Amino acid sequence: MATEQVARIEARIAPELKAKFQRAADIENITLCEFLVKSAREAADNTIANHKVLKLSAEGSRAFAEAILNPKEPTQKLKDAMKRHQQVIGDVS
């Protein structure tokens, strides 16, 4: 039987906050630890998902579409940045 690897996290919190977490765990009929892990996982998933999506205002959307449809010539600064990127990261094509 394989042993599952685990990592430990500790946090010092106010007693009132711990009581609130415990109450929520009790409502869901799970342990405090299960509640905290579940909540942290959901928060992490949401944070990661929110950073995968580019959100633009209407004005930003129009500017983005304009840049895609009518691109300007790259500046020397952009060309230099791309050269540095290729040296560090490699060719992305």
PDB file of N, CA and C in Angstrom:
ATOM      1  N   MET A   1       0.851  -1.176   0.000  1.00  0.00           N
ATOM      2  CA  MET A   1       0.000   0.000   0.000  1.00  0.00           C
ATOM      3  C   MET A   1       0.900   1.244   0.000  1.00  0.00           C
ATOM      4  N   ALA A   2       0.681   2.140  -0.985  1.00  0.00           N
ATOM      5  CA  ALA A   2       1.473   3.361  -1.103  1.00  0.00           C
ATOM      6  C   ALA A   2       1.008   4.390  -0.079  1.00  0.00           C
ATOM      7  N   THR A   3       1.957   5.145   0.438  1.00  0.00           N
ATOM      8  CA  THR A   3       1.638   6.204   1.389  1.00  0.00           C
ATOM      9  C   THR A   3       1.479   7.508   0.625  1.00  0.00           C
ATOM     10  N   GLU A   4       0.365   8.198   0.857  1.00  0.00           N
ATOM     11  CA  GLU A   4       0.111   9.478   0.199  1.00  0.00           C
ATOM     12  C   GLU A   4       0.987  10.547   0.829  1.00  0.00           C
ATOM     13  N   GLN A   5       1.642  11.332  -0.009  1.00  0.00           N
ATOM     14  CA  GLN A   5       2.471  12.412   0.496  1.00  0.00           C
ATOM     15  C   GLN A   5       1.595  13.613   0.816  1.00  0.00           C
ATOM     16  N   VAL A   6       1.876  14.266   1.909  1.00  0.00           N
ATOM     17  CA  VAL A   6       1.123  15.444   2.323  1.00  0.00           C
ATOM     18  C   VAL A   6       2.086  16.529   2.755  1.00  0.00           C
ATOM     19  N   ALA A   7       1.600  17.756   2.697  1.00  0.00           N
ATOM     20  CA  ALA A   7       2.360  18.898   3.194  1.00  0.00           C
ATOM     21  C   ALA A   7       1.506  19.585   4.250  1.00  0.00           C
ATOM     22  N   ARG A   8       2.144  20.212   5.174  1.00  0.00           N
ATOM     23  CA  ARG A   8       1.438  20.847   6.276  1.00  0.00           C
ATOM     24  C   ARG A   8       1.475  22.365   6.102  1.00  0.00           C
ATOM     25  N   ILE A   9       0.358  23.002   6.414  1.00  0.00           N
ATOM     26  CA  ILE A   9       0.260  24.462   6.415  1.00  0.00           C
ATOM     27  C   ILE A   9      -0.255  24.879   7.783  1.00  0.00           C
ATOM     28  N   GLU A  10       0.372  25.887   8.357  1.00  0.00           N
ATOM     29  CA  GLU A  10      -0.090  26.417   9.636  1.00  0.00           C
ATOM     30  C   GLU A  10      -0.408  27.892   9.466  1.00  0.00           C
ATOM     31  N   ALA A  11      -1.419  28.339  10.195  1.00  0.00           N
ATOM     32  CA  ALA A  11      -1.782  29.756  10.156  1.00  0.00           C
ATOM     33  C   ALA A  11      -2.280  30.179  11.529  1.00  0.00           C
ATOM     34  N   ARG A  12      -1.885  31.339  11.941  1.00  0.00           N
ATOM     35  CA  ARG A  12      -2.382  31.905  13.194  1.00  0.00           C
ATOM     36  C   ARG A  12      -3.500  32.877  12.832  1.00  0.00           C
ATOM     37  N   ILE A  13      -4.674  32.627  13.406  1.00  0.00           N
ATOM     38  CA  ILE A  13      -5.825  33.468  13.106  1.00  0.00           C
ATOM     39  C   ILE A  13      -6.543  33.831  14.402  1.00  0.00           C
ATOM     40  N   ALA A  14      -7.362  34.844  14.328  1.00  0.00           N
ATOM     41  CA  ALA A  14      -8.138  35.276  15.492  1.00  0.00           C
ATOM     42  C   ALA A  14      -9.138  34.174  15.871  1.00  0.00           C
ATOM     43  N   PRO A  15      -9.379  34.006  17.158  1.00  0.00           N
ATOM     44  CA  PRO A  15     -10.334  32.988  17.604  1.00  0.00           C
ATOM     45  C   PRO A  15     -11.726  33.150  16.973  1.00  0.00           C
ATOM     46  N   GLU A  16     -12.145  34.402  16.758  1.00  0.00           N
ATOM     47  CA  GLU A  16     -13.450  34.642  16.147  1.00  0.00           C
ATOM     48  C   GLU A  16     -13.506  34.103  14.721  1.00  0.00           C
ATOM     49  N   LEU A  17     -12.404  34.247  14.005  1.00  0.00           N
ATOM     50  CA  LEU A  17     -12.345  33.755  12.637  1.00  0.00           C
ATOM     51  C   LEU A  17     -12.357  32.231  12.617  1.00  0.00           C
ATOM     52  N   LYS A  18     -11.626  31.624  13.552  1.00  0.00           N
ATOM     53  CA  LYS A  18     -11.632  30.166  13.637  1.00  0.00           C
ATOM     54  C   LYS A  18     -13.047  29.665  13.952  1.00  0.00           C
ATOM     55  N   ALA A  19     -13.730  30.356  14.844  1.00  0.00           N
ATOM     56  CA  ALA A  19     -15.103  29.970  15.193  1.00  0.00           C
ATOM     57  C   ALA A  19     -16.017  30.072  13.970  1.00  0.00           C
ATOM     58  N   LYS A  20     -15.817  31.120  13.168  1.00  0.00           N
ATOM     59  CA  LYS A  20     -16.622  31.288  11.949  1.00  0.00           C
ATOM     60  C   LYS A  20     -16.363  30.136  10.988  1.00  0.00           C
ATOM     61  N   PHE A  21     -15.082  29.786  10.798  1.00  0.00           N
ATOM     62  CA  PHE A  21     -14.734  28.665   9.927  1.00  0.00           C
ATOM     63  C   PHE A  21     -15.348  27.362  10.444  1.00  0.00           C
ATOM     64  N   GLN A  22     -15.272  27.164  11.759  1.00  0.00           N
ATOM     65  CA  GLN A  22     -15.817  25.951  12.348  1.00  0.00           C
ATOM     66  C   GLN A  22     -17.328  25.881  12.140  1.00  0.00           C
ATOM     67  N   ARG A  23     -17.996  27.017  12.306  1.00  0.00           N
ATOM     68  CA  ARG A  23     -19.449  27.054  12.108  1.00  0.00           C
ATOM     69  C   ARG A  23     -19.802  26.672  10.672  1.00  0.00           C
ATOM     70  N   ALA A  24     -19.057  27.221   9.717  1.00  0.00           N
ATOM     71  CA  ALA A  24     -19.304  26.893   8.310  1.00  0.00           C
ATOM     72  C   ALA A  24     -19.048  25.409   8.043  1.00  0.00           C
ATOM     73  N   ALA A  25     -17.988  24.873   8.636  1.00  0.00           N
ATOM     74  CA  ALA A  25     -17.691  23.446   8.475  1.00  0.00           C
ATOM     75  C   ALA A  25     -18.811  22.603   9.059  1.00  0.00           C
ATOM     76  N   ASP A  26     -19.296  22.993  10.228  1.00  0.00           N
ATOM     77  CA  ASP A  26     -20.397  22.264  10.868  1.00  0.00           C
ATOM     78  C   ASP A  26     -21.640  22.291   9.990  1.00  0.00           C
ATOM     79  N   ILE A  27     -21.920  23.425   9.389  1.00  0.00           N
ATOM     80  CA  ILE A  27     -23.089  23.541   8.504  1.00  0.00           C
ATOM     81  C   ILE A  27     -22.969  22.575   7.332  1.00  0.00           C
ATOM     82  N   GLU A  28     -21.759  22.444   6.798  1.00  0.00           N
ATOM     83  CA  GLU A  28     -21.536  21.536   5.669  1.00  0.00           C
ATOM     84  C   GLU A  28     -21.297  20.099   6.116  1.00  0.00           C
ATOM     85  N   ASN A  29     -21.293  19.884   7.432  1.00  0.00           N
ATOM     86  CA  ASN A  29     -21.100  18.551   8.011  1.00  0.00           C
ATOM     87  C   ASN A  29     -19.764  17.923   7.581  1.00  0.00           C
ATOM     88  N   ILE A  30     -18.715  18.764   7.625  1.00  0.00           N
ATOM     89  CA  ILE A  30     -17.363  18.288   7.338  1.00  0.00           C
ATOM     90  C   ILE A  30     -16.441  18.817   8.424  1.00  0.00           C
ATOM     91  N   THR A  31     -15.237  18.264   8.479  1.00  0.00           N
ATOM     92  CA  THR A  31     -14.287  18.723   9.495  1.00  0.00           C
ATOM     93  C   THR A  31     -13.772  20.116   9.135  1.00  0.00           C
ATOM     94  N   LEU A  32     -13.233  20.781  10.132  1.00  0.00           N
ATOM     95  CA  LEU A  32     -12.653  22.102   9.909  1.00  0.00           C
ATOM     96  C   LEU A  32     -11.546  22.018   8.864  1.00  0.00           C
ATOM     97  N   CYS A  33     -10.708  21.018   8.968  1.00  0.00           N
ATOM     98  CA  CYS A  33      -9.613  20.845   8.014  1.00  0.00           C
ATOM     99  C   CYS A  33     -10.160  20.668   6.590  1.00  0.00           C
ATOM    100  N   GLU A  34     -11.169  19.809   6.441  1.00  0.00           N
ATOM    101  CA  GLU A  34     -11.768  19.592   5.118  1.00  0.00           C
ATOM    102  C   GLU A  34     -12.351  20.895   4.572  1.00  0.00           C
ATOM    103  N   PHE A  35     -13.015  21.653   5.451  1.00  0.00           N
ATOM    104  CA  PHE A  35     -13.602  22.918   5.029  1.00  0.00           C
ATOM    105  C   PHE A  35     -12.527  23.889   4.547  1.00  0.00           C
ATOM    106  N   LEU A  36     -11.437  24.003   5.317  1.00  0.00           N
ATOM    107  CA  LEU A  36     -10.378  24.943   4.957  1.00  0.00           C
ATOM    108  C   LEU A  36      -9.703  24.549   3.651  1.00  0.00           C
ATOM    109  N   VAL A  37      -9.434  23.257   3.476  1.00  0.00           N
ATOM    110  CA  VAL A  37      -8.788  22.801   2.248  1.00  0.00           C
ATOM    111  C   VAL A  37      -9.716  23.030   1.052  1.00  0.00           C
ATOM    112  N   LYS A  38     -10.991  22.675   1.217  1.00  0.00           N
ATOM    113  CA  LYS A  38     -11.977  22.866   0.144  1.00  0.00           C
ATOM    114  C   LYS A  38     -12.083  24.340  -0.225  1.00  0.00           C
ATOM    115  N   SER A  39     -12.195  25.210   0.768  1.00  0.00           N
ATOM    116  CA  SER A  39     -12.331  26.646   0.522  1.00  0.00           C
ATOM    117  C   SER A  39     -11.082  27.219  -0.133  1.00  0.00           C
ATOM    118  N   ALA A  40      -9.927  26.816   0.343  1.00  0.00           N
ATOM    119  CA  ALA A  40      -8.674  27.312  -0.230  1.00  0.00           C
ATOM    120  C   ALA A  40      -8.516  26.828  -1.669  1.00  0.00           C
ATOM    121  N   ARG A  41      -8.881  25.583  -1.939  1.00  0.00           N
ATOM    122  CA  ARG A  41      -8.789  25.046  -3.301  1.00  0.00           C
ATOM    123  C   ARG A  41      -9.701  25.839  -4.239  1.00  0.00           C
ATOM    124  N   GLU A  42     -10.941  26.098  -3.801  1.00  0.00           N
ATOM    125  CA  GLU A  42     -11.882  26.856  -4.628  1.00  0.00           C
ATOM    126  C   GLU A  42     -11.366  28.273  -4.873  1.00  0.00           C
ATOM    127  N   ALA A  43     -10.832  28.902  -3.846  1.00  0.00           N
ATOM    128  CA  ALA A  43     -10.287  30.254  -3.995  1.00  0.00           C
ATOM    129  C   ALA A  43      -9.099  30.252  -4.955  1.00  0.00           C
ATOM    130  N   ALA A  44      -8.236  29.263  -4.839  1.00  0.00           N
ATOM    131  CA  ALA A  44      -7.079  29.167  -5.734  1.00  0.00           C
ATOM    132  C   ALA A  44      -7.520  28.932  -7.170  1.00  0.00           C
ATOM    133  N   ASP A  45      -8.476  28.026  -7.369  1.00  0.00           N
ATOM    134  CA  ASP A  45      -8.987  27.761  -8.720  1.00  0.00           C
ATOM    135  C   ASP A  45      -9.579  29.024  -9.332  1.00  0.00           C
ATOM    136  N   ASN A  46     -10.352  29.778  -8.540  1.00  0.00           N
ATOM    137  CA  ASN A  46     -10.961  31.015  -9.034  1.00  0.00           C
ATOM    138  C   ASN A  46      -9.904  32.058  -9.381  1.00  0.00           C
ATOM    139  N   THR A  47      -8.904  32.197  -8.523  1.00  0.00           N
ATOM    140  CA  THR A  47      -7.837  33.164  -8.773  1.00  0.00           C
ATOM    141  C   THR A  47      -7.091  32.825 -10.058  1.00  0.00           C
ATOM    142  N   ILE A  48      -6.758  31.559 -10.222  1.00  0.00           N
ATOM    143  CA  ILE A  48      -6.035  31.117 -11.429  1.00  0.00           C
ATOM    144  C   ILE A  48      -6.897  31.323 -12.666  1.00  0.00           C
ATOM    145  N   ALA A  49      -8.179  30.928 -12.582  1.00  0.00           N
ATOM    146  CA  ALA A  49      -9.080  31.082 -13.730  1.00  0.00           C
ATOM    147  C   ALA A  49      -9.247  32.551 -14.102  1.00  0.00           C
ATOM    148  N   ASN A  50      -9.355  33.425 -13.106  1.00  0.00           N
ATOM    149  CA  ASN A  50      -9.528  34.852 -13.378  1.00  0.00           C
ATOM    150  C   ASN A  50      -8.319  35.457 -14.077  1.00  0.00           C
ATOM    151  N   HIS A  51      -7.150  34.868 -13.886  1.00  0.00           N
ATOM    152  CA  HIS A  51      -5.951  35.399 -14.521  1.00  0.00           C
ATOM    153  C   HIS A  51      -5.665  34.755 -15.869  1.00  0.00           C
ATOM    154  N   LYS A  52      -6.461  33.752 -16.242  1.00  0.00           N
ATOM    155  CA  LYS A  52      -6.321  33.132 -17.555  1.00  0.00           C
ATOM    156  C   LYS A  52      -7.155  33.864 -18.605  1.00  0.00           C
ATOM    157  N   VAL A  53      -8.124  34.623 -18.150  1.00  0.00           N
ATOM    158  CA  VAL A  53      -9.049  35.303 -19.045  1.00  0.00           C
ATOM    159  C   VAL A  53      -8.685  36.780 -19.113  1.00  0.00           C
ATOM    160  N   LEU A  54      -8.571  37.272 -20.308  1.00  0.00           N
ATOM    161  CA  LEU A  54      -8.290  38.687 -20.518  1.00  0.00           C
ATOM    162  C   LEU A  54      -9.621  39.427 -20.545  1.00  0.00           C
ATOM    163  N   LYS A  55      -9.811  40.344 -19.614  1.00  0.00           N
ATOM    164  CA  LYS A  55     -11.047  41.110 -19.539  1.00  0.00           C
ATOM    165  C   LYS A  55     -10.758  42.539 -19.965  1.00  0.00           C
ATOM    166  N   LEU A  56     -11.492  42.985 -20.968  1.00  0.00           N
ATOM    167  CA  LEU A  56     -11.291  44.330 -21.486  1.00  0.00           C
ATOM    168  C   LEU A  56     -12.589  45.123 -21.432  1.00  0.00           C
ATOM    169  N   SER A  57     -12.456  46.414 -21.262  1.00  0.00           N
ATOM    170  CA  SER A  57     -13.609  47.307 -21.381  1.00  0.00           C
ATOM    171  C   SER A  57     -14.000  47.371 -22.850  1.00  0.00           C
ATOM    172  N   ALA A  58     -15.125  47.999 -23.145  1.00  0.00           N
ATOM    173  CA  ALA A  58     -15.545  48.169 -24.540  1.00  0.00           C
ATOM    174  C   ALA A  58     -14.475  48.931 -25.319  1.00  0.00           C
ATOM    175  N   GLU A  59     -13.934  49.971 -24.697  1.00  0.00           N
ATOM    176  CA  GLU A  59     -12.882  50.763 -25.353  1.00  0.00           C
ATOM    177  C   GLU A  59     -11.623  49.915 -25.572  1.00  0.00           C
ATOM    178  N   GLY A  60     -11.254  49.137 -24.561  1.00  0.00           N
ATOM    179  CA  GLY A  60     -10.088  48.263 -24.693  1.00  0.00           C
ATOM    180  C   GLY A  60     -10.298  47.201 -25.758  1.00  0.00           C
ATOM    181  N   SER A  61     -11.514  46.673 -25.849  1.00  0.00           N
ATOM    182  CA  SER A  61     -11.832  45.675 -26.876  1.00  0.00           C
ATOM    183  C   SER A  61     -11.686  46.270 -28.277  1.00  0.00           C
ATOM    184  N   ARG A  62     -12.183  47.498 -28.439  1.00  0.00           N
ATOM    185  CA  ARG A  62     -12.064  48.155 -29.756  1.00  0.00           C
ATOM    186  C   ARG A  62     -10.586  48.399 -30.098  1.00  0.00           C
ATOM    187  N   ALA A  63      -9.818  48.862 -29.117  1.00  0.00           N
ATOM    188  CA  ALA A  63      -8.398  49.129 -29.361  1.00  0.00           C
ATOM    189  C   ALA A  63      -7.660  47.831 -29.711  1.00  0.00           C
ATOM    190  N   PHE A  64      -8.005  46.743 -29.025  1.00  0.00           N
ATOM    191  CA  PHE A  64      -7.375  45.450 -29.307  1.00  0.00           C
ATOM    192  C   PHE A  64      -7.721  44.990 -30.726  1.00  0.00           C
ATOM    193  N   ALA A  65      -9.004  45.077 -31.085  1.00  0.00           N
ATOM    194  CA  ALA A  65      -9.429  44.671 -32.431  1.00  0.00           C
ATOM    195  C   ALA A  65      -8.733  45.527 -33.487  1.00  0.00           C
ATOM    196  N   GLU A  66      -8.648  46.817 -33.238  1.00  0.00           N
ATOM    197  CA  GLU A  66      -7.974  47.722 -34.182  1.00  0.00           C
ATOM    198  C   GLU A  66      -6.511  47.327 -34.359  1.00  0.00           C
ATOM    199  N   ALA A  67      -5.843  47.007 -33.251  1.00  0.00           N
ATOM    200  CA  ALA A  67      -4.429  46.619 -33.325  1.00  0.00           C
ATOM    201  C   ALA A  67      -4.244  45.307 -34.093  1.00  0.00           C
ATOM    202  N   ILE A  68      -5.208  44.393 -33.954  1.00  0.00           N
ATOM    203  CA  ILE A  68      -5.125  43.111 -34.678  1.00  0.00           C
ATOM    204  C   ILE A  68      -5.403  43.332 -36.165  1.00  0.00           C
ATOM    205  N   LEU A  69      -6.424  44.133 -36.455  1.00  0.00           N
ATOM    206  CA  LEU A  69      -6.824  44.337 -37.848  1.00  0.00           C
ATOM    207  C   LEU A  69      -5.878  45.264 -38.604  1.00  0.00           C
ATOM    208  N   ASN A  70      -5.307  46.222 -37.904  1.00  0.00           N
ATOM    209  CA  ASN A  70      -4.420  47.211 -38.541  1.00  0.00           C
ATOM    210  C   ASN A  70      -3.154  47.370 -37.703  1.00  0.00           C
ATOM    211  N   PRO A  71      -2.289  46.350 -37.707  1.00  0.00           N
ATOM    212  CA  PRO A  71      -1.097  46.427 -36.853  1.00  0.00           C
ATOM    213  C   PRO A  71      -0.120  47.510 -37.333  1.00  0.00           C
ATOM    214  N   LYS A  72       0.520  48.146 -36.350  1.00  0.00           N
ATOM    215  CA  LYS A  72       1.545  49.140 -36.657  1.00  0.00           C
ATOM    216  C   LYS A  72       2.884  48.416 -36.784  1.00  0.00           C
ATOM    217  N   GLU A  73       3.825  49.074 -37.430  1.00  0.00           N
ATOM    218  CA  GLU A  73       5.171  48.520 -37.524  1.00  0.00           C
ATOM    219  C   GLU A  73       5.787  48.464 -36.125  1.00  0.00           C
ATOM    220  N   PRO A  74       6.491  47.383 -35.791  1.00  0.00           N
ATOM    221  CA  PRO A  74       7.107  47.306 -34.463  1.00  0.00           C
ATOM    222  C   PRO A  74       8.187  48.362 -34.292  1.00  0.00           C
ATOM    223  N   THR A  75       8.236  48.916 -33.089  1.00  0.00           N
ATOM    224  CA  THR A  75       9.262  49.918 -32.785  1.00  0.00           C
ATOM    225  C   THR A  75      10.588  49.202 -32.539  1.00  0.00           C
ATOM    226  N   GLN A  76      11.657  49.989 -32.516  1.00  0.00           N
ATOM    227  CA  GLN A  76      12.973  49.403 -32.239  1.00  0.00           C
ATOM    228  C   GLN A  76      13.002  48.777 -30.849  1.00  0.00           C
ATOM    229  N   LYS A  77      12.312  49.428 -29.904  1.00  0.00           N
ATOM    230  CA  LYS A  77      12.248  48.911 -28.534  1.00  0.00           C
ATOM    231  C   LYS A  77      11.593  47.516 -28.512  1.00  0.00           C
ATOM    232  N   LEU A  78      10.520  47.366 -29.278  1.00  0.00           N
ATOM    233  CA  LEU A  78       9.826  46.078 -29.348  1.00  0.00           C
ATOM    234  C   LEU A  78      10.705  45.034 -30.029  1.00  0.00           C
ATOM    235  N   LYS A  79      11.403  45.420 -31.086  1.00  0.00           N
ATOM    236  CA  LYS A  79      12.311  44.492 -31.771  1.00  0.00           C
ATOM    237  C   LYS A  79      13.418  44.024 -30.826  1.00  0.00           C
ATOM    238  N   ASP A  80      13.965  44.962 -30.045  1.00  0.00           N
ATOM    239  CA  ASP A  80      15.014  44.602 -29.076  1.00  0.00           C
ATOM    240  C   ASP A  80      14.471  43.656 -28.004  1.00  0.00           C
ATOM    241  N   ALA A  81      13.243  43.931 -27.551  1.00  0.00           N
ATOM    242  CA  ALA A  81      12.629  43.078 -26.530  1.00  0.00           C
ATOM    243  C   ALA A  81      12.410  41.674 -27.076  1.00  0.00           C
ATOM    244  N   MET A  82      12.006  41.565 -28.325  1.00  0.00           N
ATOM    245  CA  MET A  82      11.790  40.252 -28.933  1.00  0.00           C
ATOM    246  C   MET A  82      13.110  39.494 -29.069  1.00  0.00           C
ATOM    247  N   LYS A  83      14.176  40.190 -29.413  1.00  0.00           N
ATOM    248  CA  LYS A  83      15.488  39.540 -29.497  1.00  0.00           C
ATOM    249  C   LYS A  83      15.900  38.998 -28.131  1.00  0.00           C
ATOM    250  N   ARG A  84      15.706  39.817 -27.076  1.00  0.00           N
ATOM    251  CA  ARG A  84      16.041  39.354 -25.724  1.00  0.00           C
ATOM    252  C   ARG A  84      15.174  38.150 -25.334  1.00  0.00           C
ATOM    253  N   HIS A  85      13.907  38.212 -25.694  1.00  0.00           N
ATOM    254  CA  HIS A  85      12.991  37.109 -25.393  1.00  0.00           C
ATOM    255  C   HIS A  85      13.463  35.829 -26.074  1.00  0.00           C
ATOM    256  N   GLN A  86      13.855  35.917 -27.332  1.00  0.00           N
ATOM    257  CA  GLN A  86      14.319  34.746 -28.059  1.00  0.00           C
ATOM    258  C   GLN A  86      15.612  34.192 -27.469  1.00  0.00           C
ATOM    259  N   GLN A  87      16.464  35.081 -26.974  1.00  0.00           N
ATOM    260  CA  GLN A  87      17.706  34.624 -26.366  1.00  0.00           C
ATOM    261  C   GLN A  87      17.446  33.892 -25.040  1.00  0.00           C
ATOM    262  N   VAL A  88      16.491  34.387 -24.286  1.00  0.00           N
ATOM    263  CA  VAL A  88      16.193  33.811 -22.966  1.00  0.00           C
ATOM    264  C   VAL A  88      15.258  32.623 -23.069  1.00  0.00           C
ATOM    265  N   ILE A  89      14.191  32.771 -23.809  1.00  0.00           N
ATOM    266  CA  ILE A  89      13.138  31.758 -23.886  1.00  0.00           C
ATOM    267  C   ILE A  89      13.318  30.825 -25.072  1.00  0.00           C
ATOM    268  N   GLY A  90      13.807  31.364 -26.149  1.00  0.00           N
ATOM    269  CA  GLY A  90      13.929  30.580 -27.386  1.00  0.00           C
ATOM    270  C   GLY A  90      12.852  30.997 -28.360  1.00  0.00           C
ATOM    271  N   ASP A  91      12.881  30.407 -29.526  1.00  0.00           N
ATOM    272  CA  ASP A  91      11.913  30.729 -30.575  1.00  0.00           C
ATOM    273  C   ASP A  91      10.547  30.171 -30.179  1.00  0.00           C
ATOM    274  N   VAL A  92       9.514  30.985 -30.253  1.00  0.00           N
ATOM    275  CA  VAL A  92       8.173  30.572 -29.838  1.00  0.00           C
ATOM    276  C   VAL A  92       7.348  30.029 -30.984  1.00  0.00           C
ATOM    277  N   SER A  93       7.891  30.032 -32.194  1.00  0.00           N
ATOM    278  CA  SER A  93       7.098  29.526 -33.335  1.00  0.00           C
ATOM    279  C   SER A  93       7.263  28.043 -33.504  1.00  0.00           C
TER     280      SER A  93
END
